[in-house]
Amino acid sequence: MINGKFYKPVLYMIGLTILVTSISACNLSDQSGTVSITVPSAQSVNQSGAVSITVPSTQSENQSDATPVTVSPAQSVVQSPSSEFFDGVYAYAGLIELKQADPSFIIDLKNATSDNITGRIQYEYDFCLIHVDAAKLLIKAQKLAMADGYRIKVWDAYRPQSVQTAMNACLPDDQKKFVPALSDYSQHCRGIAVDITLVDENGVELDMPTGYCDFTDAAYSDYDGATETQTQNREYLKRIMAKAGFKVLSKEWWHYYLPSYKEYEQLDITFGDYLHSREADMTVPDSILP
């Protein structure tokens, strides 16, 4: 039994509690928020800048208030190149000229000279073509290299099917394996493979286990008989290329390709085809980025 003089106050307190609880529940059902997560950017391997990513909280999606939460991953995230690299760059069948997208690359196309395994000039023009998807990732790798005082030198990239066939045909039988006949595994003719090395701030190539197209055991990407400096340089190149999204060919430390290469069509567009189409002033998109 509740004493009469306390009966009304007790009822009043119970009613007030129920009312407050109901109002709070309604407010919670209407509230929403976002949580701002700060992660490091990776414009270079040495920078520690940050970008903010806003994601919905678990409450709802209608509220604009945000609660900052700082996260510090162990490794940097490599960001995609901004559209400024591709504005006005001419694309033909997915191929672009690399130097148009980023002039910082050193281009030394061996197949545009006789300084290659065949001893013959294979490309009628000396400019580097590459699929835009591979170019985006290669620019990422270039940013990482430049942050440490290096730059990427490109020895080869897109290679037309007809050139691949011609190179294979002119080699003696014991060397044909170094430039295989066209197959489902061909990569250069898709525009998503590159043969590269690194140069220092003076343009001097870093010491690597072998030179270009040296098809000995020392060219294997895991060869353990190189000098300490050569091994460090090779592993550094492998590391920045892997961080950018490339995979190294096991038998050639200089050869990198997109793991999804079979999703890309093999092409036989010559350098002349590309150049003539560009000179014909075909429609140039404002940006070839999606």
C-alpha atoms as a PDB file:
ATOM      1  CA  MET A   1       0.000   0.000   0.000  1.00  0.00           C
ATOM      2  CA  ILE A   2       1.173   3.526  -0.890  1.00  0.00           C
ATOM      3  CA  ASN A   3       0.450   6.212   1.647  1.00  0.00           C
ATOM      4  CA  GLY A   4      -2.210   8.616   0.277  1.00  0.00           C
ATOM      5  CA  LYS A   5      -0.085  11.701   0.670  1.00  0.00           C
ATOM      6  CA  PHE A   6       2.650  10.133  -1.530  1.00  0.00           C
ATOM      7  CA  TYR A   7       0.280   8.618  -4.098  1.00  0.00           C
ATOM      8  CA  LYS A   8      -0.108  11.623  -6.419  1.00  0.00           C
ATOM      9  CA  PRO A   9       3.629  12.591  -6.407  1.00  0.00           C
ATOM     10  CA  VAL A  10       4.594   9.008  -7.232  1.00  0.00           C
ATOM     11  CA  LEU A  11       2.153   8.858 -10.155  1.00  0.00           C
ATOM     12  CA  TYR A  12       3.439  12.216 -11.349  1.00  0.00           C
ATOM     13  CA  MET A  13       7.061  10.998 -11.316  1.00  0.00           C
ATOM     14  CA  ILE A  14       6.163   7.769 -13.145  1.00  0.00           C
ATOM     15  CA  GLY A  15       4.282   9.675 -15.837  1.00  0.00           C
ATOM     16  CA  LEU A  16       7.124  12.162 -16.272  1.00  0.00           C
ATOM     17  CA  THR A  17       9.646   9.352 -16.650  1.00  0.00           C
ATOM     18  CA  ILE A  18       7.550   7.648 -19.349  1.00  0.00           C
ATOM     19  CA  LEU A  19       7.178  10.945 -21.226  1.00  0.00           C
ATOM     20  CA  VAL A  20      10.914  11.720 -21.187  1.00  0.00           C
ATOM     21  CA  THR A  21      11.750   8.192 -22.312  1.00  0.00           C
ATOM     22  CA  SER A  22       9.315   8.380 -25.241  1.00  0.00           C
ATOM     23  CA  ILE A  23      10.665  11.732 -26.429  1.00  0.00           C
ATOM     24  CA  SER A  24      14.275  10.447 -26.291  1.00  0.00           C
ATOM     25  CA  ALA A  25      13.345   7.352 -28.278  1.00  0.00           C
ATOM     26  CA  CYS A  26      11.701   9.457 -30.993  1.00  0.00           C
ATOM     27  CA  ASN A  27      14.718  11.704 -31.253  1.00  0.00           C
ATOM     28  CA  LEU A  28      17.045   8.752 -31.592  1.00  0.00           C
ATOM     29  CA  SER A  29      14.900   7.250 -34.348  1.00  0.00           C
ATOM     30  CA  ASP A  30      15.197  10.489 -36.345  1.00  0.00           C
ATOM     31  CA  GLN A  31      18.862  11.189 -35.706  1.00  0.00           C
ATOM     32  CA  SER A  32      21.647  10.275 -38.039  1.00  0.00           C
ATOM     33  CA  GLY A  33      25.258  11.165 -38.372  1.00  0.00           C
ATOM     34  CA  THR A  34      28.468  10.572 -40.167  1.00  0.00           C
ATOM     35  CA  VAL A  35      31.823   9.534 -38.897  1.00  0.00           C
ATOM     36  CA  SER A  36      34.808  11.214 -40.471  1.00  0.00           C
ATOM     37  CA  ILE A  37      37.723   8.841 -40.832  1.00  0.00           C
ATOM     38  CA  THR A  38      41.097  10.361 -41.587  1.00  0.00           C
ATOM     39  CA  VAL A  39      43.538   8.164 -43.483  1.00  0.00           C
ATOM     40  CA  PRO A  40      46.990   9.085 -44.814  1.00  0.00           C
ATOM     41  CA  SER A  41      47.272  10.043 -48.434  1.00  0.00           C
ATOM     42  CA  ALA A  42      50.067   8.585 -50.512  1.00  0.00           C
ATOM     43  CA  GLN A  43      51.092  11.205 -52.963  1.00  0.00           C
ATOM     44  CA  SER A  44      54.545   9.909 -52.066  1.00  0.00           C
ATOM     45  CA  VAL A  45      56.046   7.318 -49.801  1.00  0.00           C
ATOM     46  CA  ASN A  46      57.499  10.037 -47.604  1.00  0.00           C
ATOM     47  CA  GLN A  47      54.521  12.370 -47.211  1.00  0.00           C
ATOM     48  CA  SER A  48      52.215  12.192 -44.216  1.00  0.00           C
ATOM     49  CA  GLY A  49      49.310  14.301 -45.419  1.00  0.00           C
ATOM     50  CA  ALA A  50      45.762  13.148 -44.865  1.00  0.00           C
ATOM     51  CA  VAL A  51      42.426  13.125 -46.587  1.00  0.00           C
ATOM     52  CA  SER A  52      39.046  12.863 -44.872  1.00  0.00           C
ATOM     53  CA  ILE A  53      36.572  10.186 -45.846  1.00  0.00           C
ATOM     54  CA  THR A  54      33.025  10.576 -44.544  1.00  0.00           C
ATOM     55  CA  VAL A  55      31.010   7.413 -44.031  1.00  0.00           C
ATOM     56  CA  PRO A  56      27.510   6.988 -42.552  1.00  0.00           C
ATOM     57  CA  SER A  57      27.188   6.185 -38.862  1.00  0.00           C
ATOM     58  CA  THR A  58      25.083   3.262 -37.688  1.00  0.00           C
ATOM     59  CA  GLN A  59      22.263   5.539 -36.484  1.00  0.00           C
ATOM     60  CA  SER A  60      20.760   6.874 -39.700  1.00  0.00           C
ATOM     61  CA  GLU A  61      21.519   8.765 -42.939  1.00  0.00           C
ATOM     62  CA  ASN A  62      19.714  12.077 -42.521  1.00  0.00           C
ATOM     63  CA  GLN A  63      21.926  14.018 -40.124  1.00  0.00           C
ATOM     64  CA  SER A  64      24.930  16.090 -41.218  1.00  0.00           C
ATOM     65  CA  ASP A  65      26.756  16.172 -37.866  1.00  0.00           C
ATOM     66  CA  ALA A  66      30.077  14.344 -37.941  1.00  0.00           C
ATOM     67  CA  THR A  67      32.347  12.904 -35.301  1.00  0.00           C
ATOM     68  CA  PRO A  68      36.054  12.916 -36.295  1.00  0.00           C
ATOM     69  CA  VAL A  69      37.928   9.670 -35.728  1.00  0.00           C
ATOM     70  CA  THR A  70      41.636   9.429 -36.561  1.00  0.00           C
ATOM     71  CA  VAL A  71      43.013   6.191 -37.981  1.00  0.00           C
ATOM     72  CA  SER A  72      46.723   5.636 -38.642  1.00  0.00           C
ATOM     73  CA  PRO A  73      47.370   2.668 -40.972  1.00  0.00           C
ATOM     74  CA  ALA A  74      50.883   1.294 -41.151  1.00  0.00           C
ATOM     75  CA  GLN A  75      51.208   1.869 -44.904  1.00  0.00           C
ATOM     76  CA  SER A  76      50.214   4.724 -47.153  1.00  0.00           C
ATOM     77  CA  VAL A  77      47.412   4.385 -49.663  1.00  0.00           C
ATOM     78  CA  VAL A  78      48.404   5.204 -53.231  1.00  0.00           C
ATOM     79  CA  GLN A  79      45.907   7.598 -54.737  1.00  0.00           C
ATOM     80  CA  SER A  80      44.802   7.573 -58.376  1.00  0.00           C
ATOM     81  CA  PRO A  81      46.255  10.330 -60.538  1.00  0.00           C
ATOM     82  CA  SER A  82      44.004  13.333 -60.826  1.00  0.00           C
ATOM     83  CA  SER A  83      42.186  14.100 -64.053  1.00  0.00           C
ATOM     84  CA  GLU A  84      44.663  16.880 -64.843  1.00  0.00           C
ATOM     85  CA  PHE A  85      47.061  14.221 -66.119  1.00  0.00           C
ATOM     86  CA  PHE A  86      44.567  13.141 -68.773  1.00  0.00           C
ATOM     87  CA  ASP A  87      42.764  16.304 -69.827  1.00  0.00           C
ATOM     88  CA  GLY A  88      43.257  16.701 -73.570  1.00  0.00           C
ATOM     89  CA  VAL A  89      45.191  13.439 -73.943  1.00  0.00           C
ATOM     90  CA  TYR A  90      44.247  11.695 -77.170  1.00  0.00           C
ATOM     91  CA  ALA A  91      42.998   8.109 -76.734  1.00  0.00           C
ATOM     92  CA  TYR A  92      42.653   5.654 -79.611  1.00  0.00           C
ATOM     93  CA  ALA A  93      41.316   2.153 -78.856  1.00  0.00           C
ATOM     94  CA  GLY A  94      42.277   2.759 -75.234  1.00  0.00           C
ATOM     95  CA  LEU A  95      45.865   3.680 -76.130  1.00  0.00           C
ATOM     96  CA  ILE A  96      47.461   6.997 -75.199  1.00  0.00           C
ATOM     97  CA  GLU A  97      50.910   8.493 -75.573  1.00  0.00           C
ATOM     98  CA  LEU A  98      52.491   8.257 -72.114  1.00  0.00           C
ATOM     99  CA  LYS A  99      54.457  11.509 -72.368  1.00  0.00           C
ATOM    100  CA  GLN A 100      51.256  13.415 -73.137  1.00  0.00           C
ATOM    101  CA  ALA A 101      49.791  12.243 -69.846  1.00  0.00           C
ATOM    102  CA  ASP A 102      52.961  12.762 -67.795  1.00  0.00           C
ATOM    103  CA  PRO A 103      56.156  14.245 -69.289  1.00  0.00           C
ATOM    104  CA  SER A 104      58.250  13.191 -66.294  1.00  0.00           C
ATOM    105  CA  PHE A 105      58.908   9.711 -67.719  1.00  0.00           C
ATOM    106  CA  ILE A 106      62.175   8.922 -69.496  1.00  0.00           C
ATOM    107  CA  ILE A 107      61.361   7.171 -72.770  1.00  0.00           C
ATOM    108  CA  ASP A 108      63.990   4.956 -74.411  1.00  0.00           C
ATOM    109  CA  LEU A 109      62.078   2.631 -76.714  1.00  0.00           C
ATOM    110  CA  LYS A 110      64.580  -0.019 -77.745  1.00  0.00           C
ATOM    111  CA  ASN A 111      62.311  -1.345 -80.503  1.00  0.00           C
ATOM    112  CA  ALA A 112      62.348   2.078 -82.171  1.00  0.00           C
ATOM    113  CA  THR A 113      66.088   1.526 -82.676  1.00  0.00           C
ATOM    114  CA  SER A 114      68.235  -1.423 -83.657  1.00  0.00           C
ATOM    115  CA  ASP A 115      69.392  -1.770 -80.048  1.00  0.00           C
ATOM    116  CA  ASN A 116      67.162  -4.736 -79.271  1.00  0.00           C
ATOM    117  CA  ILE A 117      67.287  -8.504 -79.348  1.00  0.00           C
ATOM    118  CA  THR A 118      66.528  -8.621 -83.091  1.00  0.00           C
ATOM    119  CA  GLY A 119      69.089  -5.991 -84.095  1.00  0.00           C
ATOM    120  CA  ARG A 120      66.436  -4.322 -86.288  1.00  0.00           C
ATOM    121  CA  ILE A 121      64.185  -1.270 -85.979  1.00  0.00           C
ATOM    122  CA  GLN A 122      60.695  -2.575 -85.168  1.00  0.00           C
ATOM    123  CA  TYR A 123      58.665   0.609 -84.484  1.00  0.00           C
ATOM    124  CA  GLU A 124      58.194   3.144 -87.256  1.00  0.00           C
ATOM    125  CA  TYR A 125      57.788   5.995 -84.764  1.00  0.00           C
ATOM    126  CA  ASP A 126      59.596   6.698 -81.517  1.00  0.00           C
ATOM    127  CA  PHE A 127      56.875   7.468 -78.988  1.00  0.00           C
ATOM    128  CA  CYS A 128      55.500   5.360 -76.169  1.00  0.00           C
ATOM    129  CA  LEU A 129      51.948   4.052 -76.410  1.00  0.00           C
ATOM    130  CA  ILE A 130      50.250   2.417 -73.443  1.00  0.00           C
ATOM    131  CA  HIS A 131      46.718   1.513 -72.408  1.00  0.00           C
ATOM    132  CA  VAL A 132      45.180   4.236 -70.272  1.00  0.00           C
ATOM    133  CA  ASP A 133      44.528   1.809 -67.392  1.00  0.00           C
ATOM    134  CA  ALA A 134      48.210   0.878 -67.239  1.00  0.00           C
ATOM    135  CA  ALA A 135      49.185   4.547 -67.577  1.00  0.00           C
ATOM    136  CA  LYS A 136      47.183   5.467 -64.487  1.00  0.00           C
ATOM    137  CA  LEU A 137      49.023   2.897 -62.402  1.00  0.00           C
ATOM    138  CA  LEU A 138      52.420   3.717 -63.895  1.00  0.00           C
ATOM    139  CA  ILE A 139      51.932   7.358 -62.908  1.00  0.00           C
ATOM    140  CA  LYS A 140      51.301   6.164 -59.357  1.00  0.00           C
ATOM    141  CA  ALA A 141      54.614   4.299 -59.423  1.00  0.00           C
ATOM    142  CA  GLN A 142      56.358   7.353 -60.876  1.00  0.00           C
ATOM    143  CA  LYS A 143      55.120   9.486 -57.969  1.00  0.00           C
ATOM    144  CA  LEU A 144      56.531   6.990 -55.492  1.00  0.00           C
ATOM    145  CA  ALA A 145      59.875   6.872 -57.312  1.00  0.00           C
ATOM    146  CA  MET A 146      60.149  10.653 -57.613  1.00  0.00           C
ATOM    147  CA  ALA A 147      59.498  11.061 -53.903  1.00  0.00           C
ATOM    148  CA  ASP A 148      62.800   9.219 -53.370  1.00  0.00           C
ATOM    149  CA  GLY A 149      64.714  11.074 -56.092  1.00  0.00           C
ATOM    150  CA  TYR A 150      64.281   8.555 -58.926  1.00  0.00           C
ATOM    151  CA  ARG A 151      62.349   8.384 -62.179  1.00  0.00           C
ATOM    152  CA  ILE A 152      61.081   5.549 -64.334  1.00  0.00           C
ATOM    153  CA  LYS A 153      62.682   4.877 -67.699  1.00  0.00           C
ATOM    154  CA  VAL A 154      60.467   2.988 -70.162  1.00  0.00           C
ATOM    155  CA  TRP A 155      62.123   0.581 -72.599  1.00  0.00           C
ATOM    156  CA  ASP A 156      58.909  -0.813 -74.063  1.00  0.00           C
ATOM    157  CA  ALA A 157      55.152  -0.700 -73.559  1.00  0.00           C
ATOM    158  CA  TYR A 158      52.475  -1.321 -76.211  1.00  0.00           C
ATOM    159  CA  ARG A 159      53.703  -3.549 -79.051  1.00  0.00           C
ATOM    160  CA  PRO A 160      51.450  -4.273 -82.059  1.00  0.00           C
ATOM    161  CA  GLN A 161      50.624  -7.905 -82.791  1.00  0.00           C
ATOM    162  CA  SER A 162      52.313  -7.690 -86.185  1.00  0.00           C
ATOM    163  CA  VAL A 163      55.545  -6.510 -84.548  1.00  0.00           C
ATOM    164  CA  GLN A 164      55.420  -9.343 -82.014  1.00  0.00           C
ATOM    165  CA  THR A 165      55.045 -11.815 -84.875  1.00  0.00           C
ATOM    166  CA  ALA A 166      57.851 -10.215 -86.906  1.00  0.00           C
ATOM    167  CA  MET A 167      60.238 -10.203 -83.951  1.00  0.00           C
ATOM    168  CA  ASN A 168      59.571 -13.849 -83.233  1.00  0.00           C
ATOM    169  CA  ALA A 169      60.030 -14.791 -86.886  1.00  0.00           C
ATOM    170  CA  CYS A 170      63.420 -13.108 -87.275  1.00  0.00           C
ATOM    171  CA  LEU A 171      64.993 -14.736 -84.227  1.00  0.00           C
ATOM    172  CA  PRO A 172      66.878 -18.038 -84.407  1.00  0.00           C
ATOM    173  CA  ASP A 173      65.005 -21.013 -83.012  1.00  0.00           C
ATOM    174  CA  ASP A 174      66.948 -21.045 -79.752  1.00  0.00           C
ATOM    175  CA  GLN A 175      65.927 -17.422 -79.030  1.00  0.00           C
ATOM    176  CA  LYS A 176      62.274 -17.455 -80.098  1.00  0.00           C
ATOM    177  CA  LYS A 177      61.258 -18.178 -76.505  1.00  0.00           C
ATOM    178  CA  PHE A 178      62.467 -14.700 -75.534  1.00  0.00           C
ATOM    179  CA  VAL A 179      59.905 -13.088 -77.853  1.00  0.00           C
ATOM    180  CA  PRO A 180      57.212 -15.786 -78.014  1.00  0.00           C
ATOM    181  CA  ALA A 181      54.722 -16.162 -80.824  1.00  0.00           C
ATOM    182  CA  LEU A 182      51.316 -14.624 -80.178  1.00  0.00           C
ATOM    183  CA  SER A 183      49.232 -16.531 -77.684  1.00  0.00           C
ATOM    184  CA  ASP A 184      46.571 -16.008 -75.056  1.00  0.00           C
ATOM    185  CA  TYR A 185      49.377 -14.994 -72.684  1.00  0.00           C
ATOM    186  CA  SER A 186      50.751 -12.165 -74.855  1.00  0.00           C
ATOM    187  CA  GLN A 187      50.816  -8.945 -72.839  1.00  0.00           C
ATOM    188  CA  HIS A 188      52.643  -6.136 -74.644  1.00  0.00           C
ATOM    189  CA  CYS A 189      50.152  -6.187 -77.526  1.00  0.00           C
ATOM    190  CA  ARG A 190      47.357  -5.441 -75.054  1.00  0.00           C
ATOM    191  CA  GLY A 191      49.107  -2.253 -73.940  1.00  0.00           C
ATOM    192  CA  ILE A 192      49.129  -3.245 -70.277  1.00  0.00           C
ATOM    193  CA  ALA A 193      52.758  -4.417 -69.951  1.00  0.00           C
ATOM    194  CA  VAL A 194      55.867  -2.271 -69.596  1.00  0.00           C
ATOM    195  CA  ASP A 195      59.604  -2.934 -69.615  1.00  0.00           C
ATOM    196  CA  ILE A 196      61.206  -0.426 -67.269  1.00  0.00           C
ATOM    197  CA  THR A 197      64.107   0.507 -65.031  1.00  0.00           C
ATOM    198  CA  LEU A 198      64.960   3.425 -62.732  1.00  0.00           C
ATOM    199  CA  VAL A 199      67.286   6.389 -63.171  1.00  0.00           C
ATOM    200  CA  ASP A 200      68.699   8.742 -60.556  1.00  0.00           C
ATOM    201  CA  GLU A 201      68.381  12.544 -60.475  1.00  0.00           C
ATOM    202  CA  ASN A 202      71.159  12.777 -63.088  1.00  0.00           C
ATOM    203  CA  GLY A 203      69.420  10.379 -65.460  1.00  0.00           C
ATOM    204  CA  VAL A 204      71.874   7.547 -64.762  1.00  0.00           C
ATOM    205  CA  GLU A 205      70.324   4.076 -64.662  1.00  0.00           C
ATOM    206  CA  LEU A 206      70.440   2.347 -61.299  1.00  0.00           C
ATOM    207  CA  ASP A 207      72.628  -0.726 -61.056  1.00  0.00           C
ATOM    208  CA  MET A 208      70.422  -3.765 -61.689  1.00  0.00           C
ATOM    209  CA  PRO A 209      71.302  -7.494 -61.842  1.00  0.00           C
ATOM    210  CA  THR A 210      71.381  -7.397 -65.666  1.00  0.00           C
ATOM    211  CA  GLY A 211      70.871  -5.057 -68.565  1.00  0.00           C
ATOM    212  CA  TYR A 212      67.724  -5.046 -70.671  1.00  0.00           C
ATOM    213  CA  CYS A 213      66.888  -8.261 -72.523  1.00  0.00           C
ATOM    214  CA  ASP A 214      69.665 -10.235 -70.839  1.00  0.00           C
ATOM    215  CA  PHE A 215      67.925 -13.600 -70.748  1.00  0.00           C
ATOM    216  CA  THR A 216      70.178 -15.343 -68.257  1.00  0.00           C
ATOM    217  CA  ASP A 217      69.243 -16.668 -64.831  1.00  0.00           C
ATOM    218  CA  ALA A 218      70.337 -13.315 -63.400  1.00  0.00           C
ATOM    219  CA  ALA A 219      67.308 -11.709 -65.082  1.00  0.00           C
ATOM    220  CA  TYR A 220      64.895 -13.694 -62.901  1.00  0.00           C
ATOM    221  CA  SER A 221      63.009 -11.413 -60.545  1.00  0.00           C
ATOM    222  CA  ASP A 222      64.045 -13.517 -57.537  1.00  0.00           C
ATOM    223  CA  TYR A 223      67.654 -14.206 -58.561  1.00  0.00           C
ATOM    224  CA  ASP A 224      69.782 -14.345 -55.407  1.00  0.00           C
ATOM    225  CA  GLY A 225      73.254 -14.076 -56.947  1.00  0.00           C
ATOM    226  CA  ALA A 226      73.261 -10.327 -57.610  1.00  0.00           C
ATOM    227  CA  THR A 227      75.263  -7.823 -55.591  1.00  0.00           C
ATOM    228  CA  GLU A 228      73.695  -6.211 -52.557  1.00  0.00           C
ATOM    229  CA  THR A 229      73.188  -2.918 -54.401  1.00  0.00           C
ATOM    230  CA  GLN A 230      71.683  -4.615 -57.452  1.00  0.00           C
ATOM    231  CA  THR A 231      69.315  -6.626 -55.274  1.00  0.00           C
ATOM    232  CA  GLN A 232      68.247  -3.556 -53.288  1.00  0.00           C
ATOM    233  CA  ASN A 233      67.556  -1.590 -56.490  1.00  0.00           C
ATOM    234  CA  ARG A 234      65.586  -4.441 -58.070  1.00  0.00           C
ATOM    235  CA  GLU A 235      63.547  -5.005 -54.909  1.00  0.00           C
ATOM    236  CA  TYR A 236      62.822  -1.294 -54.583  1.00  0.00           C
ATOM    237  CA  LEU A 237      61.476  -1.251 -58.157  1.00  0.00           C
ATOM    238  CA  LYS A 238      59.369  -4.347 -57.472  1.00  0.00           C
ATOM    239  CA  ARG A 239      58.013  -2.765 -54.306  1.00  0.00           C
ATOM    240  CA  ILE A 240      56.813   0.509 -55.826  1.00  0.00           C
ATOM    241  CA  MET A 241      55.376  -1.271 -58.866  1.00  0.00           C
ATOM    242  CA  ALA A 242      53.478  -3.735 -56.673  1.00  0.00           C
ATOM    243  CA  LYS A 243      52.162  -0.854 -54.573  1.00  0.00           C
ATOM    244  CA  ALA A 244      50.923   0.800 -57.766  1.00  0.00           C
ATOM    245  CA  GLY A 245      49.126  -2.390 -58.863  1.00  0.00           C
ATOM    246  CA  PHE A 246      51.537  -4.196 -61.216  1.00  0.00           C
ATOM    247  CA  LYS A 247      52.905  -7.725 -61.152  1.00  0.00           C
ATOM    248  CA  VAL A 248      56.470  -8.606 -62.125  1.00  0.00           C
ATOM    249  CA  LEU A 249      57.262 -11.358 -64.652  1.00  0.00           C
ATOM    250  CA  SER A 250      59.193 -14.098 -62.887  1.00  0.00           C
ATOM    251  CA  LYS A 251      61.872 -14.413 -65.600  1.00  0.00           C
ATOM    252  CA  GLU A 252      62.368 -10.681 -66.325  1.00  0.00           C
ATOM    253  CA  TRP A 253      62.952  -8.202 -63.495  1.00  0.00           C
ATOM    254  CA  TRP A 254      62.157  -5.331 -65.907  1.00  0.00           C
ATOM    255  CA  HIS A 255      58.772  -6.625 -67.151  1.00  0.00           C
ATOM    256  CA  TYR A 256      55.607  -5.541 -65.299  1.00  0.00           C
ATOM    257  CA  TYR A 257      51.993  -6.127 -66.258  1.00  0.00           C
ATOM    258  CA  LEU A 258      48.424  -5.764 -65.003  1.00  0.00           C
ATOM    259  CA  PRO A 259      47.283  -8.991 -63.306  1.00  0.00           C
ATOM    260  CA  SER A 260      43.957  -8.700 -65.163  1.00  0.00           C
ATOM    261  CA  TYR A 261      45.708  -8.583 -68.566  1.00  0.00           C
ATOM    262  CA  LYS A 262      43.412 -11.196 -70.145  1.00  0.00           C
ATOM    263  CA  GLU A 263      40.503  -8.776 -69.812  1.00  0.00           C
ATOM    264  CA  TYR A 264      42.163  -6.526 -72.408  1.00  0.00           C
ATOM    265  CA  GLU A 265      42.006  -7.066 -76.146  1.00  0.00           C
ATOM    266  CA  GLN A 266      45.121  -7.805 -78.161  1.00  0.00           C
ATOM    267  CA  LEU A 267      45.624  -5.029 -80.723  1.00  0.00           C
ATOM    268  CA  ASP A 268      47.434  -4.592 -84.006  1.00  0.00           C
ATOM    269  CA  ILE A 269      47.174  -0.815 -84.183  1.00  0.00           C
ATOM    270  CA  THR A 270      50.484   0.482 -85.513  1.00  0.00           C
ATOM    271  CA  PHE A 271      52.175   3.623 -84.266  1.00  0.00           C
ATOM    272  CA  GLY A 272      51.351   5.134 -87.630  1.00  0.00           C
ATOM    273  CA  ASP A 273      47.661   4.290 -87.190  1.00  0.00           C
ATOM    274  CA  TYR A 274      47.620   6.099 -83.863  1.00  0.00           C
ATOM    275  CA  LEU A 275      49.550   9.117 -85.124  1.00  0.00           C
ATOM    276  CA  HIS A 276      47.468   9.525 -88.278  1.00  0.00           C
ATOM    277  CA  SER A 277      44.234   9.312 -86.318  1.00  0.00           C
ATOM    278  CA  ARG A 278      45.456  11.926 -83.865  1.00  0.00           C
ATOM    279  CA  GLU A 279      46.605  14.228 -86.636  1.00  0.00           C
ATOM    280  CA  ALA A 280      43.216  13.857 -88.317  1.00  0.00           C
ATOM    281  CA  ASP A 281      41.872  15.718 -85.287  1.00  0.00           C
ATOM    282  CA  MET A 282      39.415  13.076 -84.206  1.00  0.00           C
ATOM    283  CA  THR A 283      37.256  13.957 -81.210  1.00  0.00           C
ATOM    284  CA  VAL A 284      39.369  14.446 -78.121  1.00  0.00           C
ATOM    285  CA  PRO A 285      37.451  13.925 -74.873  1.00  0.00           C
ATOM    286  CA  ASP A 286      37.892  16.486 -72.097  1.00  0.00           C
ATOM    287  CA  SER A 287      39.103  13.642 -69.936  1.00  0.00           C
ATOM    288  CA  ILE A 288      39.550   9.943 -70.555  1.00  0.00           C
ATOM    289  CA  LEU A 289      38.954   9.215 -66.919  1.00  0.00           C
ATOM    290  CA  PRO A 290      35.508   7.791 -66.126  1.00  0.00           C
END
